[in-house]
Amino acid sequence: IWGFGIFDNGDQARIDASKQFIKFMCDSAHTVDAVKTANYFAVRTAAEGTDLSSIWADNPIMAEYTKLMPYLGDYYQVTTGWAAARTEWWNMLQEVGTGADVATVLEAHEAAANSAAG
């Protein structure tokens, strides 16, 4: 769920090139270099036989961030209406912060967020 995506725009050559690029970045002998260049995290623990689990062991800050990875979730990418709920949350905070009636604002934004969820 995290990582790259390919959009079907009808151009098979671009789709194939995208797949090749993703394979290069995520599952090849060059994955370590690609991940470090992107300054992010590998999408798996190994690629083409190369152990990626300690890719950031030499970087104190990234090594600490790596410890937090198991606590991250994918709910915001797979939950229907999540983007709308996030927008409702932000707008609700702004309205409450400027003095609007809390109960009224909460009720309105909760209803809108729930509606987006289906």
PDB file of N, CA and C in Angstrom:
ATOM      1  N   ILE A   1       0.834  -1.180   0.000  1.00  0.00           N
ATOM      2  CA  ILE A   1       0.000   0.000   0.000  1.00  0.00           C
ATOM      3  C   ILE A   1       0.875   1.239   0.000  1.00  0.00           C
ATOM      4  N   TRP A   2       1.935   1.226   0.740  1.00  0.00           N
ATOM      5  CA  TRP A   2       2.842   2.362   0.715  1.00  0.00           C
ATOM      6  C   TRP A   2       3.730   2.224  -0.497  1.00  0.00           C
ATOM      7  N   GLY A   3       4.099   3.313  -1.082  1.00  0.00           N
ATOM      8  CA  GLY A   3       5.053   3.238  -2.178  1.00  0.00           C
ATOM      9  C   GLY A   3       4.477   3.730  -3.491  1.00  0.00           C
ATOM     10  N   PHE A   4       5.008   3.185  -4.555  1.00  0.00           N
ATOM     11  CA  PHE A   4       4.680   3.634  -5.901  1.00  0.00           C
ATOM     12  C   PHE A   4       3.333   3.108  -6.370  1.00  0.00           C
ATOM     13  N   GLY A   5       2.784   3.781  -7.354  1.00  0.00           N
ATOM     14  CA  GLY A   5       1.581   3.325  -8.027  1.00  0.00           C
ATOM     15  C   GLY A   5       1.730   3.573  -9.514  1.00  0.00           C
ATOM     16  N   ILE A   6       1.015   2.808 -10.302  1.00  0.00           N
ATOM     17  CA  ILE A   6       1.040   2.967 -11.754  1.00  0.00           C
ATOM     18  C   ILE A   6      -0.375   3.291 -12.201  1.00  0.00           C
ATOM     19  N   PHE A   7      -0.502   4.355 -12.969  1.00  0.00           N
ATOM     20  CA  PHE A   7      -1.803   4.756 -13.479  1.00  0.00           C
ATOM     21  C   PHE A   7      -1.946   4.265 -14.914  1.00  0.00           C
ATOM     22  N   ASP A   8      -3.065   3.652 -15.212  1.00  0.00           N
ATOM     23  CA  ASP A   8      -3.314   3.156 -16.559  1.00  0.00           C
ATOM     24  C   ASP A   8      -3.824   4.307 -17.410  1.00  0.00           C
ATOM     25  N   ASN A   9      -2.904   4.924 -18.143  1.00  0.00           N
ATOM     26  CA  ASN A   9      -3.266   6.040 -19.007  1.00  0.00           C
ATOM     27  C   ASN A   9      -3.424   5.584 -20.456  1.00  0.00           C
ATOM     28  N   GLY A  10      -3.421   4.259 -20.653  1.00  0.00           N
ATOM     29  CA  GLY A  10      -3.590   3.727 -21.991  1.00  0.00           C
ATOM     30  C   GLY A  10      -2.305   3.610 -22.789  1.00  0.00           C
ATOM     31  N   ASP A  11      -1.201   4.066 -22.253  1.00  0.00           N
ATOM     32  CA  ASP A  11       0.091   4.017 -22.947  1.00  0.00           C
ATOM     33  C   ASP A  11       0.903   2.858 -22.370  1.00  0.00           C
ATOM     34  N   GLN A  12       0.871   1.715 -23.040  1.00  0.00           N
ATOM     35  CA  GLN A  12       1.524   0.517 -22.527  1.00  0.00           C
ATOM     36  C   GLN A  12       3.022   0.711 -22.340  1.00  0.00           C
ATOM     37  N   ALA A  13       3.657   1.490 -23.203  1.00  0.00           N
ATOM     38  CA  ALA A  13       5.102   1.728 -23.067  1.00  0.00           C
ATOM     39  C   ALA A  13       5.402   2.444 -21.751  1.00  0.00           C
ATOM     40  N   ARG A  14       4.581   3.414 -21.389  1.00  0.00           N
ATOM     41  CA  ARG A  14       4.783   4.124 -20.117  1.00  0.00           C
ATOM     42  C   ARG A  14       4.494   3.217 -18.924  1.00  0.00           C
ATOM     43  N   ILE A  15       3.482   2.396 -19.051  1.00  0.00           N
ATOM     44  CA  ILE A  15       3.152   1.459 -17.975  1.00  0.00           C
ATOM     45  C   ILE A  15       4.311   0.497 -17.759  1.00  0.00           C
ATOM     46  N   ASP A  16       4.846  -0.049 -18.851  1.00  0.00           N
ATOM     47  CA  ASP A  16       5.979  -0.974 -18.750  1.00  0.00           C
ATOM     48  C   ASP A  16       7.215  -0.282 -18.173  1.00  0.00           C
ATOM     49  N   ALA A  17       7.459   0.961 -18.601  1.00  0.00           N
ATOM     50  CA  ALA A  17       8.607   1.712 -18.067  1.00  0.00           C
ATOM     51  C   ALA A  17       8.423   1.978 -16.576  1.00  0.00           C
ATOM     52  N   SER A  18       7.196   2.270 -16.167  1.00  0.00           N
ATOM     53  CA  SER A  18       6.920   2.501 -14.747  1.00  0.00           C
ATOM     54  C   SER A  18       7.183   1.246 -13.933  1.00  0.00           C
ATOM     55  N   LYS A  19       6.748   0.110 -14.452  1.00  0.00           N
ATOM     56  CA  LYS A  19       6.985  -1.156 -13.757  1.00  0.00           C
ATOM     57  C   LYS A  19       8.479  -1.439 -13.629  1.00  0.00           C
ATOM     58  N   GLN A  20       9.216  -1.154 -14.692  1.00  0.00           N
ATOM     59  CA  GLN A  20      10.665  -1.378 -14.660  1.00  0.00           C
ATOM     60  C   GLN A  20      11.331  -0.454 -13.639  1.00  0.00           C
ATOM     61  N   PHE A  21      10.900   0.806 -13.589  1.00  0.00           N
ATOM     62  CA  PHE A  21      11.450   1.760 -12.626  1.00  0.00           C
ATOM     63  C   PHE A  21      11.160   1.313 -11.194  1.00  0.00           C
ATOM     64  N   ILE A  22       9.931   0.876 -10.949  1.00  0.00           N
ATOM     65  CA  ILE A  22       9.565   0.422  -9.605  1.00  0.00           C
ATOM     66  C   ILE A  22      10.381  -0.805  -9.217  1.00  0.00           C
ATOM     67  N   LYS A  23      10.567  -1.720 -10.148  1.00  0.00           N
ATOM     68  CA  LYS A  23      11.386  -2.903  -9.867  1.00  0.00           C
ATOM     69  C   LYS A  23      12.810  -2.471  -9.526  1.00  0.00           C
ATOM     70  N   PHE A  24      13.353  -1.519 -10.273  1.00  0.00           N
ATOM     71  CA  PHE A  24      14.698  -1.011 -10.000  1.00  0.00           C
ATOM     72  C   PHE A  24      14.773  -0.401  -8.603  1.00  0.00           C
ATOM     73  N   MET A  25      13.793   0.418  -8.266  1.00  0.00           N
ATOM     74  CA  MET A  25      13.812   1.113  -6.976  1.00  0.00           C
ATOM     75  C   MET A  25      13.551   0.181  -5.795  1.00  0.00           C
ATOM     76  N   CYS A  26      12.689  -0.814  -5.988  1.00  0.00           N
ATOM     77  CA  CYS A  26      12.192  -1.591  -4.852  1.00  0.00           C
ATOM     78  C   CYS A  26      12.653  -3.038  -4.788  1.00  0.00           C
ATOM     79  N   ASP A  27      13.143  -3.572  -5.878  1.00  0.00           N
ATOM     80  CA  ASP A  27      13.463  -4.998  -5.872  1.00  0.00           C
ATOM     81  C   ASP A  27      14.600  -5.312  -6.842  1.00  0.00           C
ATOM     82  N   SER A  28      15.743  -4.718  -6.598  1.00  0.00           N
ATOM     83  CA  SER A  28      16.900  -5.004  -7.445  1.00  0.00           C
ATOM     84  C   SER A  28      18.168  -4.881  -6.609  1.00  0.00           C
ATOM     85  N   ALA A  29      19.274  -5.188  -7.231  1.00  0.00           N
ATOM     86  CA  ALA A  29      20.563  -5.059  -6.549  1.00  0.00           C
ATOM     87  C   ALA A  29      20.868  -3.601  -6.218  1.00  0.00           C
ATOM     88  N   HIS A  30      20.145  -2.677  -6.839  1.00  0.00           N
ATOM     89  CA  HIS A  30      20.385  -1.241  -6.632  1.00  0.00           C
ATOM     90  C   HIS A  30      19.436  -0.623  -5.609  1.00  0.00           C
ATOM     91  N   THR A  31      18.622  -1.439  -4.968  1.00  0.00           N
ATOM     92  CA  THR A  31      17.614  -0.915  -4.045  1.00  0.00           C
ATOM     93  C   THR A  31      18.233  -0.122  -2.900  1.00  0.00           C
ATOM     94  N   VAL A  32      19.335  -0.591  -2.345  1.00  0.00           N
ATOM     95  CA  VAL A  32      19.982   0.140  -1.244  1.00  0.00           C
ATOM     96  C   VAL A  32      20.337   1.550  -1.695  1.00  0.00           C
ATOM     97  N   ASP A  33      20.955   1.676  -2.867  1.00  0.00           N
ATOM     98  CA  ASP A  33      21.317   3.002  -3.379  1.00  0.00           C
ATOM     99  C   ASP A  33      20.076   3.849  -3.646  1.00  0.00           C
ATOM    100  N   ALA A  34      19.053   3.236  -4.214  1.00  0.00           N
ATOM    101  CA  ALA A  34      17.829   3.972  -4.523  1.00  0.00           C
ATOM    102  C   ALA A  34      17.162   4.485  -3.254  1.00  0.00           C
ATOM    103  N   VAL A  35      17.080   3.638  -2.243  1.00  0.00           N
ATOM    104  CA  VAL A  35      16.446   4.031  -0.980  1.00  0.00           C
ATOM    105  C   VAL A  35      17.231   5.154  -0.318  1.00  0.00           C
ATOM    106  N   LYS A  36      18.540   5.021  -0.280  1.00  0.00           N
ATOM    107  CA  LYS A  36      19.351   6.060   0.369  1.00  0.00           C
ATOM    108  C   LYS A  36      19.316   7.367  -0.415  1.00  0.00           C
ATOM    109  N   THR A  37      19.251   7.284  -1.739  1.00  0.00           N
ATOM    110  CA  THR A  37      19.141   8.495  -2.547  1.00  0.00           C
ATOM    111  C   THR A  37      17.812   9.193  -2.288  1.00  0.00           C
ATOM    112  N   ALA A  38      16.751   8.403  -2.152  1.00  0.00           N
ATOM    113  CA  ALA A  38      15.426   8.964  -1.877  1.00  0.00           C
ATOM    114  C   ALA A  38      15.305   9.449  -0.438  1.00  0.00           C
ATOM    115  N   ASN A  39      16.248   9.023   0.426  1.00  0.00           N
ATOM    116  CA  ASN A  39      16.236   9.387   1.842  1.00  0.00           C
ATOM    117  C   ASN A  39      14.928   8.959   2.504  1.00  0.00           C
ATOM    118  N   TYR A  40      14.526   7.727   2.197  1.00  0.00           N
ATOM    119  CA  TYR A  40      13.297   7.201   2.778  1.00  0.00           C
ATOM    120  C   TYR A  40      13.543   5.781   3.251  1.00  0.00           C
ATOM    121  N   PHE A  41      12.569   4.916   3.175  1.00  0.00           N
ATOM    122  CA  PHE A  41      12.685   3.556   3.684  1.00  0.00           C
ATOM    123  C   PHE A  41      12.350   2.549   2.598  1.00  0.00           C
ATOM    124  N   ALA A  42      12.976   1.399   2.665  1.00  0.00           N
ATOM    125  CA  ALA A  42      12.683   0.324   1.719  1.00  0.00           C
ATOM    126  C   ALA A  42      11.273  -0.201   1.959  1.00  0.00           C
ATOM    127  N   VAL A  43      10.648  -0.700   0.906  1.00  0.00           N
ATOM    128  CA  VAL A  43       9.285  -1.206   1.026  1.00  0.00           C
ATOM    129  C   VAL A  43       9.252  -2.661   1.466  1.00  0.00           C
ATOM    130  N   ARG A  44      10.410  -3.290   1.574  1.00  0.00           N
ATOM    131  CA  ARG A  44      10.493  -4.676   2.044  1.00  0.00           C
ATOM    132  C   ARG A  44      11.803  -4.857   2.798  1.00  0.00           C
ATOM    133  N   THR A  45      11.970  -5.999   3.413  1.00  0.00           N
ATOM    134  CA  THR A  45      13.175  -6.254   4.213  1.00  0.00           C
ATOM    135  C   THR A  45      14.317  -6.841   3.405  1.00  0.00           C
ATOM    136  N   ALA A  46      14.041  -7.296   2.172  1.00  0.00           N
ATOM    137  CA  ALA A  46      15.097  -7.843   1.314  1.00  0.00           C
ATOM    138  C   ALA A  46      14.728  -7.605  -0.144  1.00  0.00           C
ATOM    139  N   ALA A  47      15.750  -7.460  -0.989  1.00  0.00           N
ATOM    140  CA  ALA A  47      15.542  -7.288  -2.425  1.00  0.00           C
ATOM    141  C   ALA A  47      16.636  -8.035  -3.163  1.00  0.00           C
ATOM    142  N   GLU A  48      16.223  -8.964  -4.013  1.00  0.00           N
ATOM    143  CA  GLU A  48      17.179  -9.741  -4.804  1.00  0.00           C
ATOM    144  C   GLU A  48      18.279 -10.330  -3.934  1.00  0.00           C
ATOM    145  N   GLY A  49      17.891 -10.810  -2.762  1.00  0.00           N
ATOM    146  CA  GLY A  49      18.850 -11.445  -1.861  1.00  0.00           C
ATOM    147  C   GLY A  49      19.627 -10.493  -0.970  1.00  0.00           C
ATOM    148  N   THR A  50      19.427  -9.198  -1.132  1.00  0.00           N
ATOM    149  CA  THR A  50      20.124  -8.204  -0.316  1.00  0.00           C
ATOM    150  C   THR A  50      19.277  -7.855   0.898  1.00  0.00           C
ATOM    151  N   ASP A  51      19.847  -7.959   2.092  1.00  0.00           N
ATOM    152  CA  ASP A  51      19.149  -7.621   3.331  1.00  0.00           C
ATOM    153  C   ASP A  51      18.989  -6.107   3.422  1.00  0.00           C
ATOM    154  N   LEU A  52      17.770  -5.656   3.560  1.00  0.00           N
ATOM    155  CA  LEU A  52      17.493  -4.218   3.658  1.00  0.00           C
ATOM    156  C   LEU A  52      17.080  -3.804   5.065  1.00  0.00           C
ATOM    157  N   SER A  53      17.011  -4.748   5.974  1.00  0.00           N
ATOM    158  CA  SER A  53      16.489  -4.457   7.308  1.00  0.00           C
ATOM    159  C   SER A  53      17.376  -3.515   8.111  1.00  0.00           C
ATOM    160  N   SER A  54      18.644  -3.441   7.787  1.00  0.00           N
ATOM    161  CA  SER A  54      19.548  -2.554   8.541  1.00  0.00           C
ATOM    162  C   SER A  54      20.144  -1.475   7.643  1.00  0.00           C
ATOM    163  N   ILE A  55      19.391  -1.093   6.627  1.00  0.00           N
ATOM    164  CA  ILE A  55      19.891  -0.137   5.637  1.00  0.00           C
ATOM    165  C   ILE A  55      20.310   1.197   6.263  1.00  0.00           C
ATOM    166  N   TRP A  56      19.656   1.587   7.353  1.00  0.00           N
ATOM    167  CA  TRP A  56      19.953   2.871   7.984  1.00  0.00           C
ATOM    168  C   TRP A  56      20.742   2.721   9.283  1.00  0.00           C
ATOM    169  N   ALA A  57      21.367   1.597   9.504  1.00  0.00           N
ATOM    170  CA  ALA A  57      22.114   1.372  10.749  1.00  0.00           C
ATOM    171  C   ALA A  57      23.236   2.387  10.950  1.00  0.00           C
ATOM    172  N   ASP A  58      23.771   2.924   9.870  1.00  0.00           N
ATOM    173  CA  ASP A  58      24.882   3.876   9.964  1.00  0.00           C
ATOM    174  C   ASP A  58      24.425   5.332  10.103  1.00  0.00           C
ATOM    175  N   ASN A  59      23.109   5.555  10.177  1.00  0.00           N
ATOM    176  CA  ASN A  59      22.566   6.904  10.273  1.00  0.00           C
ATOM    177  C   ASN A  59      21.713   6.981  11.540  1.00  0.00           C
ATOM    178  N   PRO A  60      22.211   7.642  12.592  1.00  0.00           N
ATOM    179  CA  PRO A  60      21.506   7.638  13.881  1.00  0.00           C
ATOM    180  C   PRO A  60      20.053   8.121  13.816  1.00  0.00           C
ATOM    181  N   ILE A  61      19.792   9.157  13.054  1.00  0.00           N
ATOM    182  CA  ILE A  61      18.429   9.688  12.988  1.00  0.00           C
ATOM    183  C   ILE A  61      17.504   8.709  12.274  1.00  0.00           C
ATOM    184  N   MET A  62      17.929   8.224  11.104  1.00  0.00           N
ATOM    185  CA  MET A  62      17.092   7.290  10.355  1.00  0.00           C
ATOM    186  C   MET A  62      16.945   5.963  11.099  1.00  0.00           C
ATOM    187  N   ALA A  63      17.963   5.572  11.831  1.00  0.00           N
ATOM    188  CA  ALA A  63      17.873   4.336  12.625  1.00  0.00           C
ATOM    189  C   ALA A  63      16.783   4.481  13.690  1.00  0.00           C
ATOM    190  N   GLU A  64      16.678   5.657  14.288  1.00  0.00           N
ATOM    191  CA  GLU A  64      15.622   5.898  15.277  1.00  0.00           C
ATOM    192  C   GLU A  64      14.244   5.897  14.613  1.00  0.00           C
ATOM    193  N   TYR A  65      14.131   6.546  13.446  1.00  0.00           N
ATOM    194  CA  TYR A  65      12.858   6.541  12.719  1.00  0.00           C
ATOM    195  C   TYR A  65      12.445   5.120  12.356  1.00  0.00           C
ATOM    196  N   THR A  66      13.421   4.290  12.003  1.00  0.00           N
ATOM    197  CA  THR A  66      13.142   2.904  11.635  1.00  0.00           C
ATOM    198  C   THR A  66      12.431   2.168  12.763  1.00  0.00           C
ATOM    199  N   LYS A  67      12.771   2.495  13.988  1.00  0.00           N
ATOM    200  CA  LYS A  67      12.126   1.852  15.135  1.00  0.00           C
ATOM    201  C   LYS A  67      10.627   2.155  15.189  1.00  0.00           C
ATOM    202  N   LEU A  68      10.223   3.282  14.607  1.00  0.00           N
ATOM    203  CA  LEU A  68       8.821   3.689  14.643  1.00  0.00           C
ATOM    204  C   LEU A  68       7.985   3.074  13.523  1.00  0.00           C
ATOM    205  N   MET A  69       8.622   2.525  12.512  1.00  0.00           N
ATOM    206  CA  MET A  69       7.904   2.003  11.350  1.00  0.00           C
ATOM    207  C   MET A  69       6.795   1.007  11.705  1.00  0.00           C
ATOM    208  N   PRO A  70       7.007   0.102  12.652  1.00  0.00           N
ATOM    209  CA  PRO A  70       5.925  -0.844  12.966  1.00  0.00           C
ATOM    210  C   PRO A  70       4.666  -0.176  13.526  1.00  0.00           C
ATOM    211  N   TYR A  71       4.784   1.062  13.975  1.00  0.00           N
ATOM    212  CA  TYR A  71       3.641   1.755  14.562  1.00  0.00           C
ATOM    213  C   TYR A  71       2.858   2.577  13.541  1.00  0.00           C
ATOM    214  N   LEU A  72       3.343   2.648  12.315  1.00  0.00           N
ATOM    215  CA  LEU A  72       2.646   3.388  11.271  1.00  0.00           C
ATOM    216  C   LEU A  72       1.596   2.492  10.640  1.00  0.00           C
ATOM    217  N   GLY A  73       0.520   3.100  10.182  1.00  0.00           N
ATOM    218  CA  GLY A  73      -0.556   2.314   9.603  1.00  0.00           C
ATOM    219  C   GLY A  73      -0.860   2.719   8.181  1.00  0.00           C
ATOM    220  N   ASP A  74      -1.640   1.925   7.525  1.00  0.00           N
ATOM    221  CA  ASP A  74      -2.029   2.235   6.158  1.00  0.00           C
ATOM    222  C   ASP A  74      -3.493   2.666   6.060  1.00  0.00           C
ATOM    223  N   TYR A  75      -4.142   2.866   7.198  1.00  0.00           N
ATOM    224  CA  TYR A  75      -5.567   3.174   7.208  1.00  0.00           C
ATOM    225  C   TYR A  75      -5.917   4.386   6.374  1.00  0.00           C
ATOM    226  N   TYR A  76      -5.056   5.389   6.358  1.00  0.00           N
ATOM    227  CA  TYR A  76      -5.385   6.609   5.639  1.00  0.00           C
ATOM    228  C   TYR A  76      -5.289   6.446   4.139  1.00  0.00           C
ATOM    229  N   GLN A  77      -4.733   5.355   3.669  1.00  0.00           N
ATOM    230  CA  GLN A  77      -4.667   5.129   2.231  1.00  0.00           C
ATOM    231  C   GLN A  77      -5.722   4.144   1.748  1.00  0.00           C
ATOM    232  N   VAL A  78      -6.297   3.386   2.646  1.00  0.00           N
ATOM    233  CA  VAL A  78      -7.262   2.371   2.227  1.00  0.00           C
ATOM    234  C   VAL A  78      -8.655   2.590   2.801  1.00  0.00           C
ATOM    235  N   THR A  79      -8.831   3.533   3.680  1.00  0.00           N
ATOM    236  CA  THR A  79     -10.131   3.776   4.296  1.00  0.00           C
ATOM    237  C   THR A  79     -10.939   4.736   3.432  1.00  0.00           C
ATOM    238  N   THR A  80     -12.096   4.297   3.015  1.00  0.00           N
ATOM    239  CA  THR A  80     -12.969   5.127   2.193  1.00  0.00           C
ATOM    240  C   THR A  80     -13.296   6.430   2.919  1.00  0.00           C
ATOM    241  N   GLY A  81     -13.118   7.539   2.230  1.00  0.00           N
ATOM    242  CA  GLY A  81     -13.468   8.839   2.779  1.00  0.00           C
ATOM    243  C   GLY A  81     -12.435   9.451   3.710  1.00  0.00           C
ATOM    244  N   TRP A  82     -11.260   8.818   3.845  1.00  0.00           N
ATOM    245  CA  TRP A  82     -10.277   9.319   4.800  1.00  0.00           C
ATOM    246  C   TRP A  82      -9.810  10.731   4.454  1.00  0.00           C
ATOM    247  N   ALA A  83      -9.572  11.008   3.187  1.00  0.00           N
ATOM    248  CA  ALA A  83      -9.113  12.348   2.798  1.00  0.00           C
ATOM    249  C   ALA A  83     -10.159  13.397   3.164  1.00  0.00           C
ATOM    250  N   ALA A  84     -11.419  13.078   2.947  1.00  0.00           N
ATOM    251  CA  ALA A  84     -12.489  14.018   3.303  1.00  0.00           C
ATOM    252  C   ALA A  84     -12.586  14.187   4.813  1.00  0.00           C
ATOM    253  N   ALA A  85     -12.431  13.097   5.561  1.00  0.00           N
ATOM    254  CA  ALA A  85     -12.484  13.183   7.026  1.00  0.00           C
ATOM    255  C   ALA A  85     -11.358  14.061   7.552  1.00  0.00           C
ATOM    256  N   ARG A  86     -10.192  13.923   6.957  1.00  0.00           N
ATOM    257  CA  ARG A  86      -9.048  14.740   7.367  1.00  0.00           C
ATOM    258  C   ARG A  86      -9.337  16.219   7.111  1.00  0.00           C
ATOM    259  N   THR A  87      -9.959  16.515   5.971  1.00  0.00           N
ATOM    260  CA  THR A  87     -10.323  17.901   5.655  1.00  0.00           C
ATOM    261  C   THR A  87     -11.361  18.421   6.643  1.00  0.00           C
ATOM    262  N   GLU A  88     -12.342  17.594   6.964  1.00  0.00           N
ATOM    263  CA  GLU A  88     -13.365  17.997   7.940  1.00  0.00           C
ATOM    264  C   GLU A  88     -12.729  18.286   9.298  1.00  0.00           C
ATOM    265  N   TRP A  89     -11.779  17.441   9.694  1.00  0.00           N
ATOM    266  CA  TRP A  89     -11.080  17.626  10.970  1.00  0.00           C
ATOM    267  C   TRP A  89     -10.376  18.980  10.996  1.00  0.00           C
ATOM    268  N   TRP A  90      -9.652  19.287   9.931  1.00  0.00           N
ATOM    269  CA  TRP A  90      -8.914  20.550   9.856  1.00  0.00           C
ATOM    270  C   TRP A  90      -9.881  21.733   9.910  1.00  0.00           C
ATOM    271  N   ASN A  91     -10.926  21.682   9.118  1.00  0.00           N
ATOM    272  CA  ASN A  91     -11.893  22.782   9.105  1.00  0.00           C
ATOM    273  C   ASN A  91     -12.575  22.937  10.458  1.00  0.00           C
ATOM    274  N   MET A  92     -12.872  21.811  11.105  1.00  0.00           N
ATOM    275  CA  MET A  92     -13.481  21.855  12.432  1.00  0.00           C
ATOM    276  C   MET A  92     -12.549  22.572  13.419  1.00  0.00           C
ATOM    277  N   LEU A  93     -11.268  22.216  13.385  1.00  0.00           N
ATOM    278  CA  LEU A  93     -10.307  22.863  14.292  1.00  0.00           C
ATOM    279  C   LEU A  93     -10.258  24.367  14.073  1.00  0.00           C
ATOM    280  N   GLN A  94     -10.296  24.778  12.812  1.00  0.00           N
ATOM    281  CA  GLN A  94     -10.247  26.206  12.505  1.00  0.00           C
ATOM    282  C   GLN A  94     -11.473  26.923  13.051  1.00  0.00           C
ATOM    283  N   GLU A  95     -12.630  26.329  12.865  1.00  0.00           N
ATOM    284  CA  GLU A  95     -13.865  26.959  13.331  1.00  0.00           C
ATOM    285  C   GLU A  95     -13.931  27.025  14.853  1.00  0.00           C
ATOM    286  N   VAL A  96     -13.574  25.932  15.509  1.00  0.00           N
ATOM    287  CA  VAL A  96     -13.570  25.923  16.978  1.00  0.00           C
ATOM    288  C   VAL A  96     -12.537  26.916  17.495  1.00  0.00           C
ATOM    289  N   GLY A  97     -11.400  26.974  16.829  1.00  0.00           N
ATOM    290  CA  GLY A  97     -10.331  27.886  17.247  1.00  0.00           C
ATOM    291  C   GLY A  97     -10.678  29.351  17.100  1.00  0.00           C
ATOM    292  N   THR A  98     -11.641  29.646  16.241  1.00  0.00           N
ATOM    293  CA  THR A  98     -12.043  31.043  16.078  1.00  0.00           C
ATOM    294  C   THR A  98     -13.312  31.378  16.854  1.00  0.00           C
ATOM    295  N   GLY A  99     -13.723  30.455  17.747  1.00  0.00           N
ATOM    296  CA  GLY A  99     -14.807  30.770  18.662  1.00  0.00           C
ATOM    297  C   GLY A  99     -16.177  30.236  18.316  1.00  0.00           C
ATOM    298  N   ALA A 100     -16.300  29.436  17.274  1.00  0.00           N
ATOM    299  CA  ALA A 100     -17.613  28.878  16.925  1.00  0.00           C
ATOM    300  C   ALA A 100     -18.084  27.924  18.022  1.00  0.00           C
ATOM    301  N   ASP A 101     -19.393  27.703  18.075  1.00  0.00           N
ATOM    302  CA  ASP A 101     -19.966  26.801  19.066  1.00  0.00           C
ATOM    303  C   ASP A 101     -19.435  25.385  18.831  1.00  0.00           C
ATOM    304  N   VAL A 102     -18.778  24.833  19.831  1.00  0.00           N
ATOM    305  CA  VAL A 102     -18.097  23.542  19.691  1.00  0.00           C
ATOM    306  C   VAL A 102     -19.066  22.428  19.315  1.00  0.00           C
ATOM    307  N   ALA A 103     -20.165  22.300  20.023  1.00  0.00           N
ATOM    308  CA  ALA A 103     -21.110  21.210  19.770  1.00  0.00           C
ATOM    309  C   ALA A 103     -21.676  21.274  18.351  1.00  0.00           C
ATOM    310  N   THR A 104     -22.030  22.466  17.913  1.00  0.00           N
ATOM    311  CA  THR A 104     -22.598  22.640  16.573  1.00  0.00           C
ATOM    312  C   THR A 104     -21.581  22.288  15.496  1.00  0.00           C
ATOM    313  N   VAL A 105     -20.371  22.794  15.667  1.00  0.00           N
ATOM    314  CA  VAL A 105     -19.308  22.546  14.691  1.00  0.00           C
ATOM    315  C   VAL A 105     -18.964  21.059  14.636  1.00  0.00           C
ATOM    316  N   LEU A 106     -18.832  20.434  15.808  1.00  0.00           N
ATOM    317  CA  LEU A 106     -18.514  19.001  15.844  1.00  0.00           C
ATOM    318  C   LEU A 106     -19.588  18.180  15.147  1.00  0.00           C
ATOM    319  N   GLU A 107     -20.834  18.491  15.415  1.00  0.00           N
ATOM    320  CA  GLU A 107     -21.935  17.738  14.810  1.00  0.00           C
ATOM    321  C   GLU A 107     -21.913  17.863  13.285  1.00  0.00           C
ATOM    322  N   ALA A 108     -21.711  19.075  12.790  1.00  0.00           N
ATOM    323  CA  ALA A 108     -21.712  19.299  11.338  1.00  0.00           C
ATOM    324  C   ALA A 108     -20.554  18.576  10.655  1.00  0.00           C
ATOM    325  N   HIS A 109     -19.366  18.692  11.214  1.00  0.00           N
ATOM    326  CA  HIS A 109     -18.199  18.070  10.574  1.00  0.00           C
ATOM    327  C   HIS A 109     -18.190  16.554  10.742  1.00  0.00           C
ATOM    328  N   GLU A 110     -18.719  16.072  11.843  1.00  0.00           N
ATOM    329  CA  GLU A 110     -18.834  14.620  12.010  1.00  0.00           C
ATOM    330  C   GLU A 110     -19.778  14.048  10.954  1.00  0.00           C
ATOM    331  N   ALA A 111     -20.893  14.721  10.735  1.00  0.00           N
ATOM    332  CA  ALA A 111     -21.858  14.258   9.735  1.00  0.00           C
ATOM    333  C   ALA A 111     -21.236  14.265   8.339  1.00  0.00           C
ATOM    334  N   ALA A 112     -20.499  15.319   8.025  1.00  0.00           N
ATOM    335  CA  ALA A 112     -19.865  15.404   6.703  1.00  0.00           C
ATOM    336  C   ALA A 112     -18.805  14.317   6.524  1.00  0.00           C
ATOM    337  N   ALA A 113     -18.011  14.074   7.557  1.00  0.00           N
ATOM    338  CA  ALA A 113     -16.974  13.037   7.483  1.00  0.00           C
ATOM    339  C   ALA A 113     -17.604  11.655   7.352  1.00  0.00           C
ATOM    340  N   ASN A 114     -18.637  11.397   8.118  1.00  0.00           N
ATOM    341  CA  ASN A 114     -19.316  10.100   8.040  1.00  0.00           C
ATOM    342  C   ASN A 114     -19.979   9.900   6.683  1.00  0.00           C
ATOM    343  N   SER A 115     -20.498  10.970   6.117  1.00  0.00           N
ATOM    344  CA  SER A 115     -21.110  10.892   4.794  1.00  0.00           C
ATOM    345  C   SER A 115     -20.071  10.510   3.741  1.00  0.00           C
ATOM    346  N   ALA A 116     -18.884  11.071   3.851  1.00  0.00           N
ATOM    347  CA  ALA A 116     -17.809  10.754   2.901  1.00  0.00           C
ATOM    348  C   ALA A 116     -17.369   9.300   3.016  1.00  0.00           C
ATOM    349  N   ALA A 117     -17.492   8.749   4.216  1.00  0.00           N
ATOM    350  CA  ALA A 117     -17.086   7.357   4.437  1.00  0.00           C
ATOM    351  C   ALA A 117     -18.079   6.375   3.826  1.00  0.00           C
ATOM    352  N   GLY A 118     -19.263   6.885   3.520  1.00  0.00           N
ATOM    353  CA  GLY A 118     -20.252   6.013   2.876  1.00  0.00           C
ATOM    354  C   GLY A 118     -21.086   5.326   3.831  1.00  0.00           C
TER     355      GLY A 118
END
